[in-house]
Amino acid sequence: MSDFIRNQAEEDFTRARNKALFNEIQNFLNPDKSRLLSFHDVKKILKPKNEVYAGMKTVPIQKIVGSEGRYQDFDNHFLPKTSNLRQRWERVDEAHLSDIVLPPIQLYEIGGLYFVRDGNHRVSVSKAQGVQYIDAEVISLQTEILLKPGITPENILSEVIKYEKRVFYTETAFGDLTEDWNLDFTSPGQYDVIYNHILVHKYYINTGIKEEIPFNDALVSWYKNVYQPVMHVIKKKKLLKRFRNRTASDLYVWIIKQWDDLKQKYGLEYSLDAATDRIADMHPHGLLATIRDFIKKIFQT
């Protein structure tokens, strides 16, 4: 190994490290913007269905946005965040400068983006050297949600919620039946909760009639007789001012869950006053009257 290549690798690492420091300073007030995505965090949000071995591929470097185990060692541009990476980083760079072919890296693909399973230093050096493509052995995780480079965990969560809303509205015709296109949530999984609420409502209607009510009719009945009255109370009590980062639909799910938990624990005959007192103990910030109004309007005993 010539002194020229060794010195060049040292300069390359110093330059990459300085860029990482500058990136950290630029995002001092919002450090999440400079963080490399964690594969496990993204996988937890997207919940892919299965894994498929995709074999060898030539992958665009710009689509490699995270890592399985070294996401704390590099920033969102795969620049080294600590000088402890110098020795290994420079060895990889020396191989690059000497035109030595290194083994393919290993990647996970999910939502159209890639996460490093093995080869973080090779990706970092390649990005620093302006390489456009890299050979990789790829395992693909199946999801219908597509992601774009530069996305943050918060953006991914938002995309998941948007996807769930599209599926719910398409499969239930909720918007066409109710003319309400604003059933919105701030956390994933809530459209399944609403779907189950409709099924439970349908079940109770069917217990009093001979012919089973169609799902569409049950949905409209639930919307008019359960959901809308709760929305009216939320608006009347101006609850959204107390929960500025939540939606009215979030509050609906929350209050229904609280009431169901109490009924399961203390029985269907659990008194209104005792129930509201219990909830007041759990939420001691002036919600007693609001909860009582909810229960009186929707679950009168």
Foldseek 3Di string as FASTA:
>chain_A
DDPVLLVVLLVLLVVLQVVLVVVCVVCVVPNLLWFFDAPVLLCVLQVFDDKDFPFKDKAFLLLAQAAHPCRVQATRLLRGPDCVCSPVLSVLSSCVVVVNDDDFFEWEDEQNGIYGHGDSSNSSSCSSVVNTIGMYGYMYGDGPHHDDRSDGSQNSQVSQQVVVLVVLCVVLVLCVLAVDSPLGWSGPPVSVVVLVVLVVQQVVVCVVDDDRDDSSVSSNCCCVQPVVVQLVLCVVVVVCVVVVVTDSNVVSVVLVVLVVVCCVVPNPVPDLVVSLVVVCVVPVDPCSVSSSVSCCRRPND
